[in-house]
Structure formats: C-alpha cells, structure tokens
PDB file of N, CA and C in Angstrom:
ATOM      1  N   UNK A   1      54.932  62.244 162.470  1.00  0.00           N
ATOM      2  CA  UNK A   1      54.489  61.968 161.170  1.00  0.00           C
ATOM      3  C   UNK A   1      54.539  63.650 160.117  1.00  0.00           C
ATOM      4  N   UNK A   2      53.523  64.103 160.841  1.00  0.00           N
ATOM      5  CA  UNK A   2      53.648  65.346 159.947  1.00  0.00           C
ATOM      6  C   UNK A   2      54.950  65.660 159.661  1.00  0.00           C
ATOM      7  N   UNK A   3      55.886  66.371 161.159  1.00  0.00           N
ATOM      8  CA  UNK A   3      57.094  66.810 160.725  1.00  0.00           C
ATOM      9  C   UNK A   3      57.895  66.153 160.018  1.00  0.00           C
ATOM     10  N   UNK A   4      57.608  64.995 159.819  1.00  0.00           N
ATOM     11  CA  UNK A   4      58.397  63.863 158.725  1.00  0.00           C
ATOM     12  C   UNK A   4      58.672  64.263 157.347  1.00  0.00           C
ATOM     13  N   UNK A   5      56.988  64.369 157.250  1.00  0.00           N
ATOM     14  CA  UNK A   5      56.444  64.559 155.541  1.00  0.00           C
ATOM     15  C   UNK A   5      56.629  66.074 155.558  1.00  0.00           C
ATOM     16  N   UNK A   6      56.952  66.912 156.291  1.00  0.00           N
ATOM     17  CA  UNK A   6      57.052  68.400 156.155  1.00  0.00           C
ATOM     18  C   UNK A   6      58.783  68.823 155.473  1.00  0.00           C
ATOM     19  N   UNK A   7      59.420  67.661 156.371  1.00  0.00           N
ATOM     20  CA  UNK A   7      60.726  67.699 156.480  1.00  0.00           C
ATOM     21  C   UNK A   7      61.252  67.182 155.117  1.00  0.00           C
ATOM     22  N   UNK A   8      60.288  66.291 154.273  1.00  0.00           N
ATOM     23  CA  UNK A   8      60.550  65.250 153.426  1.00  0.00           C
ATOM     24  C   UNK A   8      60.063  67.080 152.125  1.00  0.00           C
ATOM     25  N   UNK A   9      59.210  66.937 152.339  1.00  0.00           N
ATOM     26  CA  UNK A   9      58.541  67.771 151.115  1.00  0.00           C
ATOM     27  C   UNK A   9      59.501  69.147 151.016  1.00  0.00           C
ATOM     28  N   UNK A  10      60.017  69.549 151.845  1.00  0.00           N
ATOM     29  CA  UNK A  10      60.673  70.732 152.015  1.00  0.00           C
ATOM     30  C   UNK A  10      61.996  70.563 151.331  1.00  0.00           C
ATOM     31  N   UNK A  11      62.769  68.887 151.988  1.00  0.00           N
ATOM     32  CA  UNK A  11      64.451  68.673 151.046  1.00  0.00           C
ATOM     33  C   UNK A  11      63.773  68.259 149.607  1.00  0.00           C
ATOM     34  N   UNK A  12      62.582  68.215 149.061  1.00  0.00           N
ATOM     35  CA  UNK A  12      62.460  68.277 147.668  1.00  0.00           C
ATOM     36  C   UNK A  12      62.468  69.536 147.165  1.00  0.00           C
ATOM     37  N   UNK A  13      61.889  70.383 147.759  1.00  0.00           N
ATOM     38  CA  UNK A  13      61.303  71.804 146.953  1.00  0.00           C
ATOM     39  C   UNK A  13      62.638  72.720 147.345  1.00  0.00           C
ATOM     40  N   UNK A  14      63.548  72.698 148.008  1.00  0.00           N
ATOM     41  CA  UNK A  14      64.636  73.530 148.114  1.00  0.00           C
ATOM     42  C   UNK A  14      65.525  73.388 147.257  1.00  0.00           C
ATOM     43  N   UNK A  15      65.738  72.545 146.553  1.00  0.00           N
ATOM     44  CA  UNK A  15      67.109  72.454 145.075  1.00  0.00           C
ATOM     45  C   UNK A  15      66.031  72.563 143.981  1.00  0.00           C
ATOM     46  N   UNK A  16      64.654  72.310 143.908  1.00  0.00           N
ATOM     47  CA  UNK A  16      64.165  72.703 142.780  1.00  0.00           C
ATOM     48  C   UNK A  16      63.969  74.502 142.963  1.00  0.00           C
ATOM     49  N   UNK A  17      63.378  75.190 144.264  1.00  0.00           N
ATOM     50  CA  UNK A  17      63.937  76.360 143.786  1.00  0.00           C
ATOM     51  C   UNK A  17      64.994  76.885 143.663  1.00  0.00           C
ATOM     52  N   UNK A  18      66.138  76.135 144.361  1.00  0.00           N
ATOM     53  CA  UNK A  18      67.366  76.816 143.866  1.00  0.00           C
ATOM     54  C   UNK A  18      67.731  76.976 142.120  1.00  0.00           C
ATOM     55  N   UNK A  19      67.808  75.732 141.646  1.00  0.00           N
ATOM     56  CA  UNK A  19      67.584  75.547 140.334  1.00  0.00           C
ATOM     57  C   UNK A  19      66.785  76.594 139.170  1.00  0.00           C
ATOM     58  N   UNK A  20      65.380  77.032 139.867  1.00  0.00           N
ATOM     59  CA  UNK A  20      64.527  78.126 139.514  1.00  0.00           C
ATOM     60  C   UNK A  20      65.208  79.139 139.697  1.00  0.00           C
ATOM     61  N   UNK A  21      65.672  79.719 140.630  1.00  0.00           N
ATOM     62  CA  UNK A  21      66.926  80.802 140.572  1.00  0.00           C
ATOM     63  C   UNK A  21      67.596  80.892 139.678  1.00  0.00           C
ATOM     64  N   UNK A  22      68.435  79.937 139.508  1.00  0.00           N
ATOM     65  CA  UNK A  22      69.682  80.021 138.836  1.00  0.00           C
ATOM     66  C   UNK A  22      68.927  80.172 137.221  1.00  0.00           C
ATOM     67  N   UNK A  23      67.785  79.509 137.075  1.00  0.00           N
ATOM     68  CA  UNK A  23      67.384  80.167 135.635  1.00  0.00           C
ATOM     69  C   UNK A  23      66.783  81.204 135.278  1.00  0.00           C
ATOM     70  N   UNK A  24      66.201  81.716 136.199  1.00  0.00           N
ATOM     71  CA  UNK A  24      66.016  83.435 136.532  1.00  0.00           C
ATOM     72  C   UNK A  24      67.202  84.240 136.516  1.00  0.00           C
ATOM     73  N   UNK A  25      68.092  83.964 137.197  1.00  0.00           N
ATOM     74  CA  UNK A  25      69.602  84.517 136.696  1.00  0.00           C
ATOM     75  C   UNK A  25      70.124  84.347 135.446  1.00  0.00           C
ATOM     76  N   UNK A  26      69.990  83.358 134.730  1.00  0.00           N
ATOM     77  CA  UNK A  26      70.453  83.294 133.093  1.00  0.00           C
ATOM     78  C   UNK A  26      69.494  83.969 132.260  1.00  0.00           C
ATOM     79  N   UNK A  27      68.542  84.117 132.461  1.00  0.00           N
ATOM     80  CA  UNK A  27      67.420  84.777 131.629  1.00  0.00           C
ATOM     81  C   UNK A  27      68.117  86.026 131.527  1.00  0.00           C
ATOM     82  N   UNK A  28      67.841  86.437 133.028  1.00  0.00           N
ATOM     83  CA  UNK A  28      67.914  88.060 132.974  1.00  0.00           C
ATOM     84  C   UNK A  28      69.729  88.453 132.624  1.00  0.00           C
ATOM     85  N   UNK A  29      70.588  87.784 132.741  1.00  0.00           N
ATOM     86  CA  UNK A  29      71.901  88.115 132.113  1.00  0.00           C
ATOM     87  C   UNK A  29      72.126  87.920 130.605  1.00  0.00           C
ATOM     88  N   UNK A  30      71.159  87.136 130.023  1.00  0.00           N
ATOM     89  CA  UNK A  30      70.490  87.287 128.473  1.00  0.00           C
ATOM     90  C   UNK A  30      69.834  88.085 128.245  1.00  0.00           C
ATOM     91  N   UNK A  31      68.964  88.752 128.797  1.00  0.00           N
ATOM     92  CA  UNK A  31      68.169  89.643 128.589  1.00  0.00           C
ATOM     93  C   UNK A  31      69.046  90.994 128.421  1.00  0.00           C
ATOM     94  N   UNK A  32      69.856  91.202 129.665  1.00  0.00           N
ATOM     95  CA  UNK A  32      70.540  92.319 129.574  1.00  0.00           C
ATOM     96  C   UNK A  32      71.916  91.975 128.186  1.00  0.00           C
ATOM     97  N   UNK A  33      72.421  90.778 127.914  1.00  0.00           N
ATOM     98  CA  UNK A  33      73.494  90.938 126.618  1.00  0.00           C
ATOM     99  C   UNK A  33      72.472  91.342 125.333  1.00  0.00           C
ATOM    100  N   UNK A  34      71.473  90.856 125.734  1.00  0.00           N
ATOM    101  CA  UNK A  34      70.690  91.235 124.124  1.00  0.00           C
ATOM    102  C   UNK A  34      70.481  92.647 124.032  1.00  0.00           C
ATOM    103  N   UNK A  35      70.108  93.397 125.034  1.00  0.00           N
ATOM    104  CA  UNK A  35      70.079  94.993 125.005  1.00  0.00           C
ATOM    105  C   UNK A  35      71.142  95.571 124.929  1.00  0.00           C
ATOM    106  N   UNK A  36      72.626  94.886 125.079  1.00  0.00           N
ATOM    107  CA  UNK A  36      73.756  95.995 125.246  1.00  0.00           C
ATOM    108  C   UNK A  36      73.922  95.588 123.584  1.00  0.00           C
ATOM    109  N   UNK A  37      73.432  94.652 122.854  1.00  0.00           N
ATOM    110  CA  UNK A  37      73.703  93.839 121.538  1.00  0.00           C
ATOM    111  C   UNK A  37      72.988  94.804 120.563  1.00  0.00           C
ATOM    112  N   UNK A  38      71.482  94.896 121.387  1.00  0.00           N
ATOM    113  CA  UNK A  38      70.836  95.861 120.098  1.00  0.00           C
ATOM    114  C   UNK A  38      71.594  97.533 120.054  1.00  0.00           C
ATOM    115  N   UNK A  39      71.865  97.722 121.183  1.00  0.00           N
ATOM    116  CA  UNK A  39      72.342  99.170 121.466  1.00  0.00           C
ATOM    117  C   UNK A  39      73.472  99.843 120.805  1.00  0.00           C
ATOM    118  N   UNK A  40      74.433  98.556 120.885  1.00  0.00           N
ATOM    119  CA  UNK A  40      75.606  98.398 119.662  1.00  0.00           C
ATOM    120  C   UNK A  40      75.349  98.676 118.652  1.00  0.00           C
ATOM    121  N   UNK A  41      74.318  97.748 118.313  1.00  0.00           N
ATOM    122  CA  UNK A  41      74.023  98.169 116.657  1.00  0.00           C
ATOM    123  C   UNK A  41      73.395  98.910 116.011  1.00  0.00           C
ATOM    124  N   UNK A  42      72.445  99.490 117.147  1.00  0.00           N
ATOM    125  CA  UNK A  42      71.942 100.799 116.859  1.00  0.00           C
ATOM    126  C   UNK A  42      72.766 102.016 117.095  1.00  0.00           C
ATOM    127  N   UNK A  43      74.002 102.191 117.401  1.00  0.00           N
ATOM    128  CA  UNK A  43      74.963 102.877 117.387  1.00  0.00           C
ATOM    129  C   UNK A  43      75.581 102.984 116.247  1.00  0.00           C
ATOM    130  N   UNK A  44      75.587 101.719 115.640  1.00  0.00           N
ATOM    131  CA  UNK A  44      76.720 101.541 114.673  1.00  0.00           C
ATOM    132  C   UNK A  44      76.067 102.397 113.431  1.00  0.00           C
ATOM    133  N   UNK A  45      74.437 101.873 113.198  1.00  0.00           N
ATOM    134  CA  UNK A  45      73.812 102.333 112.372  1.00  0.00           C
ATOM    135  C   UNK A  45      73.790 103.709 112.381  1.00  0.00           C
ATOM    136  N   UNK A  46      73.621 104.302 113.575  1.00  0.00           N
ATOM    137  CA  UNK A  46      73.333 106.000 113.148  1.00  0.00           C
ATOM    138  C   UNK A  46      75.345 106.527 113.195  1.00  0.00           C
ATOM    139  N   UNK A  47      75.829 105.806 113.551  1.00  0.00           N
ATOM    140  CA  UNK A  47      76.940 106.499 113.365  1.00  0.00           C
ATOM    141  C   UNK A  47      77.923 106.047 112.112  1.00  0.00           C
ATOM    142  N   UNK A  48      77.396 105.413 110.550  1.00  0.00           N
ATOM    143  CA  UNK A  48      77.530 104.615 110.057  1.00  0.00           C
ATOM    144  C   UNK A  48      78.693 103.733 110.241  1.00  0.00           C
ATOM    145  N   UNK A  49      78.454 102.989 110.541  1.00  0.00           N
ATOM    146  CA  UNK A  49      79.421 101.748 111.033  1.00  0.00           C
ATOM    147  C   UNK A  49      80.350 101.605 111.778  1.00  0.00           C
ATOM    148  N   UNK A  50      80.537 103.079 112.841  1.00  0.00           N
ATOM    149  CA  UNK A  50      81.894 103.094 114.183  1.00  0.00           C
ATOM    150  C   UNK A  50      81.169 102.334 115.106  1.00  0.00           C
ATOM    151  N   UNK A  51      82.114 101.881 115.950  1.00  0.00           N
ATOM    152  CA  UNK A  51      81.576 101.453 116.906  1.00  0.00           C
ATOM    153  C   UNK A  51      82.208 102.116 118.238  1.00  0.00           C
ATOM    154  N   UNK A  52      81.195 102.156 119.120  1.00  0.00           N
ATOM    155  CA  UNK A  52      81.759 103.346 120.603  1.00  0.00           C
ATOM    156  C   UNK A  52      82.865 102.742 121.263  1.00  0.00           C
ATOM    157  N   UNK A  53      83.706 103.573 121.684  1.00  0.00           N
ATOM    158  CA  UNK A  53      85.183 103.246 122.089  1.00  0.00           C
ATOM    159  C   UNK A  53      85.970 104.141 122.816  1.00  0.00           C
ATOM    160  N   UNK A  54      86.799 104.365 123.498  1.00  0.00           N
ATOM    161  CA  UNK A  54      87.736 105.299 123.809  1.00  0.00           C
ATOM    162  C   UNK A  54      87.250 106.404 122.690  1.00  0.00           C
ATOM    163  N   UNK A  55      87.781 107.712 123.326  1.00  0.00           N
ATOM    164  CA  UNK A  55      87.909 108.994 122.703  1.00  0.00           C
ATOM    165  C   UNK A  55      87.121 109.339 121.688  1.00  0.00           C
ATOM    166  N   UNK A  56      85.627 108.976 121.975  1.00  0.00           N
ATOM    167  CA  UNK A  56      84.593 109.232 121.254  1.00  0.00           C
ATOM    168  C   UNK A  56      83.695 110.205 122.148  1.00  0.00           C
ATOM    169  N   UNK A  57      83.374 110.704 123.370  1.00  0.00           N
ATOM    170  CA  UNK A  57      82.999 111.425 123.566  1.00  0.00           C
ATOM    171  C   UNK A  57      82.763 112.932 122.934  1.00  0.00           C
ATOM    172  N   UNK A  58      83.877 113.346 122.165  1.00  0.00           N
ATOM    173  CA  UNK A  58      83.188 114.436 121.554  1.00  0.00           C
ATOM    174  C   UNK A  58      84.180 115.382 122.544  1.00  0.00           C
ATOM    175  N   UNK A  59      85.025 115.269 123.639  1.00  0.00           N
ATOM    176  CA  UNK A  59      85.781 116.152 124.455  1.00  0.00           C
ATOM    177  C   UNK A  59      86.948 116.329 123.632  1.00  0.00           C
ATOM    178  N   UNK A  60      87.640 117.082 123.925  1.00  0.00           N
ATOM    179  CA  UNK A  60      88.889 117.684 123.545  1.00  0.00           C
ATOM    180  C   UNK A  60      90.246 116.348 122.892  1.00  0.00           C
ATOM    181  N   UNK A  61      89.896 115.334 123.307  1.00  0.00           N
ATOM    182  CA  UNK A  61      91.208 114.392 122.773  1.00  0.00           C
ATOM    183  C   UNK A  61      91.914 114.026 123.319  1.00  0.00           C
ATOM    184  N   UNK A  62      92.063 114.546 124.247  1.00  0.00           N
ATOM    185  CA  UNK A  62      93.820 114.137 124.890  1.00  0.00           C
ATOM    186  C   UNK A  62      94.185 113.254 125.403  1.00  0.00           C
ATOM    187  N   UNK A  63      95.084 112.505 124.823  1.00  0.00           N
ATOM    188  CA  UNK A  63      95.466 110.945 125.292  1.00  0.00           C
ATOM    189  C   UNK A  63      96.385 111.277 126.444  1.00  0.00           C
ATOM    190  N   UNK A  64      96.007 110.404 127.562  1.00  0.00           N
ATOM    191  CA  UNK A  64      97.181 110.391 128.618  1.00  0.00           C
ATOM    192  C   UNK A  64      98.622 109.148 128.682  1.00  0.00           C
TER     193      UNK A  64
END
C-alpha cells in the first residue's frame, strides 16, 4: 500500500518537475537575451549609433 502511494506521488511529481525545469530554462534564456540587448544598446550609445559587426576590431581591416 505504501509503495503504491509513493509511486502515485512520483507519477504526479515528475511531470511537474519537468515543467518547472523548462520554465527555468526559458527564464535563463530570456535573461541572456536581455543582457545581449543591453550590451548592444550601450555599444551603440558609446559609438554614436554604430552597431558592432565584422571588421570593427581595429585591426588592419584586410578582407579575405
């Protein structure tokens, strides 16, 4: 009887934990996207509206 109750509780709990894990992954992804957006915004303010991209490292600028 006790084993059946534990199995029933685990059967209910495991999908809930899986859903919670997915929500956590989504929130981490959104936090990373927000930080990326803030960094891009700060870069464009610092460099008078220029966006970072290729050939902006300050090197010789040789194109291949």
